[in-house]
Each structure stands twice: as structure tokens, then as C-alpha cells.
Amino acid sequence: MHDVASLLHLPITGAFHSIEALHVDKVVFLLVELLEVSSKEVRDETVQYHGAYVQLLWLRDIYRSKCDTTQWTVVA
């Protein structure tokens, strides 16, 4: 915290926010619902990265695919 204040010359007040890690099942559910992809596709991606992670390239490919098919709600 003091490093941030020293390097950026920004006043730091309060505590940093800690992010709670999501379980793989929750990540699969969210990606299926929000990106309208199959759960198998999401599970295949998360298995490669041993947890609740996906590759940015994978997200970019889905984004481009949804743009190409004019699924603007998903793109947004």
C-alpha cells in the first residue's frame, strides 16, 4: 500500500479490496449464461488452465464470433 502511494503520489485511504475466488462451477455457469456458449466448451477451456480460468484469446474468439453473427446483446 505504501509502495503505491510512494510511486504514484496518490493518497491511499482505507483497506484494499480483496477479491474472492470463484469456484469452477460458478465460472462455468456465468460464462454459459452471459456468453451463450456450451458448458462443454467452457469446461474444456477451464480444464486446460486447472481452475476457474480461461484464456483471453478464447474470450476474444467468442467476441468475434458473436459480432459476426450479430449477437449484440452477448457482445455488449
N, C-alpha and C. Protein backbone atom coordinates (compact mmCIF):
# COMPACT_ATOMS: atom_id res chain seq x y z
N MET A 1 0.83 -1.18 0.00
CA MET A 1 0.00 0.00 0.00
C MET A 1 0.87 1.24 0.00
N HIS A 2 1.92 1.22 0.80
CA HIS A 2 2.81 2.38 0.85
C HIS A 2 3.59 2.55 -0.45
N ASP A 3 3.87 1.41 -1.12
CA ASP A 3 4.56 1.49 -2.41
C ASP A 3 3.72 2.23 -3.43
N VAL A 4 2.42 1.95 -3.46
CA VAL A 4 1.52 2.61 -4.39
C VAL A 4 1.51 4.11 -4.14
N ALA A 5 1.41 4.48 -2.89
CA ALA A 5 1.39 5.90 -2.54
C ALA A 5 2.71 6.56 -2.92
N SER A 6 3.82 5.87 -2.69
CA SER A 6 5.12 6.44 -3.00
C SER A 6 5.36 6.55 -4.50
N LEU A 7 5.02 5.51 -5.24
CA LEU A 7 5.27 5.50 -6.68
C LEU A 7 4.33 6.42 -7.46
N LEU A 8 3.07 6.42 -7.09
CA LEU A 8 2.08 7.17 -7.85
C LEU A 8 1.73 8.51 -7.22
N HIS A 9 2.24 8.76 -6.04
CA HIS A 9 1.95 10.01 -5.33
C HIS A 9 0.44 10.21 -5.15
N LEU A 10 -0.23 9.11 -4.84
CA LEU A 10 -1.67 9.13 -4.59
C LEU A 10 -1.93 8.82 -3.13
N PRO A 11 -2.83 9.55 -2.52
CA PRO A 11 -3.16 9.22 -1.13
C PRO A 11 -3.97 7.92 -1.09
N ILE A 12 -3.58 7.01 -0.25
CA ILE A 12 -4.27 5.73 -0.10
C ILE A 12 -4.96 5.74 1.26
N THR A 13 -6.26 5.62 1.24
CA THR A 13 -7.02 5.56 2.49
C THR A 13 -7.85 4.30 2.51
N GLY A 14 -8.02 3.73 3.67
CA GLY A 14 -8.84 2.53 3.80
C GLY A 14 -8.07 1.29 3.40
N ALA A 15 -8.78 0.18 3.37
CA ALA A 15 -8.17 -1.11 3.05
C ALA A 15 -8.38 -1.44 1.58
N PHE A 16 -7.43 -2.19 1.03
CA PHE A 16 -7.60 -2.66 -0.34
C PHE A 16 -8.75 -3.65 -0.39
N HIS A 17 -9.38 -3.74 -1.55
CA HIS A 17 -10.45 -4.70 -1.74
C HIS A 17 -9.85 -6.07 -2.05
N SER A 18 -10.33 -7.07 -1.37
CA SER A 18 -9.87 -8.43 -1.67
C SER A 18 -10.96 -9.13 -2.47
N ILE A 19 -10.54 -9.81 -3.49
CA ILE A 19 -11.47 -10.49 -4.39
C ILE A 19 -11.55 -11.96 -4.01
N GLU A 20 -12.77 -12.42 -3.85
CA GLU A 20 -12.98 -13.82 -3.51
C GLU A 20 -12.93 -14.65 -4.79
N ALA A 21 -12.13 -15.69 -4.78
CA ALA A 21 -12.00 -16.57 -5.94
C ALA A 21 -13.31 -17.31 -6.18
N LEU A 22 -13.66 -17.47 -7.44
CA LEU A 22 -14.87 -18.20 -7.81
C LEU A 22 -14.55 -19.68 -8.00
N HIS A 23 -15.51 -20.51 -7.68
CA HIS A 23 -15.40 -21.94 -7.93
C HIS A 23 -15.62 -22.18 -9.42
N VAL A 24 -15.00 -23.23 -9.95
CA VAL A 24 -15.10 -23.55 -11.37
C VAL A 24 -16.55 -23.67 -11.82
N ASP A 25 -17.40 -24.32 -11.02
CA ASP A 25 -18.80 -24.50 -11.40
C ASP A 25 -19.51 -23.16 -11.57
N LYS A 26 -19.20 -22.19 -10.73
CA LYS A 26 -19.80 -20.86 -10.82
C LYS A 26 -19.31 -20.16 -12.09
N VAL A 27 -18.03 -20.31 -12.39
CA VAL A 27 -17.47 -19.71 -13.61
C VAL A 27 -18.12 -20.30 -14.85
N VAL A 28 -18.28 -21.62 -14.86
CA VAL A 28 -18.93 -22.28 -15.99
C VAL A 28 -20.35 -21.75 -16.14
N PHE A 29 -21.09 -21.68 -15.06
CA PHE A 29 -22.47 -21.17 -15.10
C PHE A 29 -22.51 -19.75 -15.67
N LEU A 30 -21.66 -18.88 -15.16
CA LEU A 30 -21.66 -17.48 -15.60
C LEU A 30 -21.30 -17.34 -17.08
N LEU A 31 -20.28 -18.07 -17.52
CA LEU A 31 -19.88 -17.97 -18.92
C LEU A 31 -20.94 -18.54 -19.86
N VAL A 32 -21.57 -19.62 -19.46
CA VAL A 32 -22.65 -20.19 -20.28
C VAL A 32 -23.81 -19.20 -20.39
N GLU A 33 -24.18 -18.61 -19.26
CA GLU A 33 -25.31 -17.67 -19.26
C GLU A 33 -24.99 -16.37 -19.99
N LEU A 34 -23.84 -15.81 -19.74
CA LEU A 34 -23.51 -14.49 -20.27
C LEU A 34 -22.98 -14.51 -21.70
N LEU A 35 -22.25 -15.56 -22.06
CA LEU A 35 -21.66 -15.62 -23.39
C LEU A 35 -22.42 -16.52 -24.34
N GLU A 36 -23.42 -17.21 -23.80
CA GLU A 36 -24.24 -18.14 -24.60
C GLU A 36 -23.37 -19.14 -25.35
N VAL A 37 -22.48 -19.79 -24.61
CA VAL A 37 -21.67 -20.87 -25.14
C VAL A 37 -22.04 -22.14 -24.39
N SER A 38 -21.62 -23.27 -24.92
CA SER A 38 -21.99 -24.54 -24.28
C SER A 38 -21.14 -24.78 -23.04
N SER A 39 -21.72 -25.51 -22.10
CA SER A 39 -20.97 -25.81 -20.88
C SER A 39 -19.78 -26.71 -21.20
N LYS A 40 -19.90 -27.57 -22.20
CA LYS A 40 -18.77 -28.41 -22.61
C LYS A 40 -17.61 -27.55 -23.10
N GLU A 41 -17.92 -26.54 -23.89
CA GLU A 41 -16.88 -25.65 -24.40
C GLU A 41 -16.17 -24.91 -23.26
N VAL A 42 -16.94 -24.46 -22.29
CA VAL A 42 -16.35 -23.75 -21.15
C VAL A 42 -15.53 -24.72 -20.30
N ARG A 43 -16.05 -25.90 -20.04
CA ARG A 43 -15.32 -26.88 -19.23
C ARG A 43 -14.01 -27.28 -19.91
N ASP A 44 -14.06 -27.46 -21.23
CA ASP A 44 -12.83 -27.79 -21.96
C ASP A 44 -11.78 -26.70 -21.78
N GLU A 45 -12.22 -25.45 -21.79
CA GLU A 45 -11.31 -24.32 -21.62
C GLU A 45 -10.77 -24.25 -20.20
N THR A 46 -11.62 -24.41 -19.20
CA THR A 46 -11.17 -24.30 -17.82
C THR A 46 -10.26 -25.46 -17.42
N VAL A 47 -10.48 -26.64 -17.99
CA VAL A 47 -9.63 -27.80 -17.67
C VAL A 47 -8.19 -27.53 -18.11
N GLN A 48 -8.03 -26.85 -19.23
CA GLN A 48 -6.67 -26.54 -19.72
C GLN A 48 -5.89 -25.69 -18.73
N TYR A 49 -6.57 -24.88 -17.95
CA TYR A 49 -5.90 -23.94 -17.06
C TYR A 49 -6.07 -24.30 -15.59
N HIS A 50 -6.54 -25.52 -15.34
CA HIS A 50 -6.59 -26.11 -13.99
C HIS A 50 -7.31 -25.23 -12.96
N GLY A 51 -8.48 -24.76 -13.32
CA GLY A 51 -9.24 -23.98 -12.36
C GLY A 51 -10.24 -23.07 -13.04
N ALA A 52 -10.62 -22.04 -12.35
CA ALA A 52 -11.65 -21.12 -12.82
C ALA A 52 -11.04 -20.04 -13.71
N TYR A 53 -10.30 -20.46 -14.73
CA TYR A 53 -9.60 -19.54 -15.62
C TYR A 53 -9.87 -19.87 -17.07
N VAL A 54 -9.87 -18.86 -17.90
CA VAL A 54 -9.95 -19.04 -19.34
C VAL A 54 -8.90 -18.13 -19.97
N GLN A 55 -8.54 -18.44 -21.17
CA GLN A 55 -7.53 -17.64 -21.87
C GLN A 55 -8.20 -16.44 -22.54
N LEU A 56 -7.52 -15.31 -22.54
CA LEU A 56 -8.05 -14.10 -23.17
C LEU A 56 -8.30 -14.32 -24.66
N LEU A 57 -7.45 -15.09 -25.30
CA LEU A 57 -7.63 -15.41 -26.71
C LEU A 57 -8.96 -16.13 -26.94
N TRP A 58 -9.33 -17.02 -26.03
CA TRP A 58 -10.60 -17.73 -26.13
C TRP A 58 -11.76 -16.74 -26.05
N LEU A 59 -11.69 -15.80 -25.11
CA LEU A 59 -12.74 -14.78 -24.99
C LEU A 59 -12.81 -13.91 -26.25
N ARG A 60 -11.66 -13.57 -26.78
CA ARG A 60 -11.63 -12.75 -28.00
C ARG A 60 -12.26 -13.49 -29.17
N ASP A 61 -12.00 -14.78 -29.29
CA ASP A 61 -12.60 -15.58 -30.36
C ASP A 61 -14.13 -15.62 -30.23
N ILE A 62 -14.61 -15.76 -29.01
CA ILE A 62 -16.06 -15.76 -28.78
C ILE A 62 -16.63 -14.39 -29.12
N TYR A 63 -15.96 -13.34 -28.71
CA TYR A 63 -16.40 -11.98 -29.02
C TYR A 63 -16.52 -11.78 -30.53
N ARG A 64 -15.51 -12.17 -31.26
CA ARG A 64 -15.54 -12.02 -32.72
C ARG A 64 -16.65 -12.86 -33.35
N SER A 65 -16.82 -14.07 -32.83
CA SER A 65 -17.88 -14.95 -33.34
C SER A 65 -19.26 -14.33 -33.12
N LYS A 66 -19.47 -13.77 -31.94
CA LYS A 66 -20.76 -13.15 -31.63
C LYS A 66 -20.96 -11.89 -32.46
N CYS A 67 -19.90 -11.15 -32.75
CA CYS A 67 -20.00 -9.98 -33.63
C CYS A 67 -20.38 -10.41 -35.04
N ASP A 68 -19.73 -11.47 -35.52
CA ASP A 68 -20.01 -11.95 -36.87
C ASP A 68 -21.44 -12.41 -37.04
N THR A 69 -22.04 -12.92 -35.98
CA THR A 69 -23.42 -13.40 -36.05
C THR A 69 -24.40 -12.37 -35.51
N THR A 70 -23.94 -11.15 -35.32
CA THR A 70 -24.73 -10.00 -34.85
C THR A 70 -25.53 -10.29 -33.57
N GLN A 71 -24.88 -10.96 -32.64
CA GLN A 71 -25.50 -11.22 -31.32
C GLN A 71 -25.05 -10.10 -30.39
N TRP A 72 -25.61 -8.92 -30.62
CA TRP A 72 -25.15 -7.71 -29.96
C TRP A 72 -25.35 -7.69 -28.45
N THR A 73 -26.37 -8.35 -27.96
CA THR A 73 -26.58 -8.40 -26.52
C THR A 73 -25.44 -9.13 -25.83
N VAL A 74 -25.02 -10.24 -26.42
CA VAL A 74 -23.91 -11.01 -25.86
C VAL A 74 -22.61 -10.22 -26.00
N VAL A 75 -22.42 -9.56 -27.13
CA VAL A 75 -21.22 -8.77 -27.36
C VAL A 75 -21.09 -7.68 -26.31
N ALA A 76 -22.19 -7.03 -26.00
CA ALA A 76 -22.16 -5.94 -25.01
C ALA A 76 -21.81 -6.49 -23.65
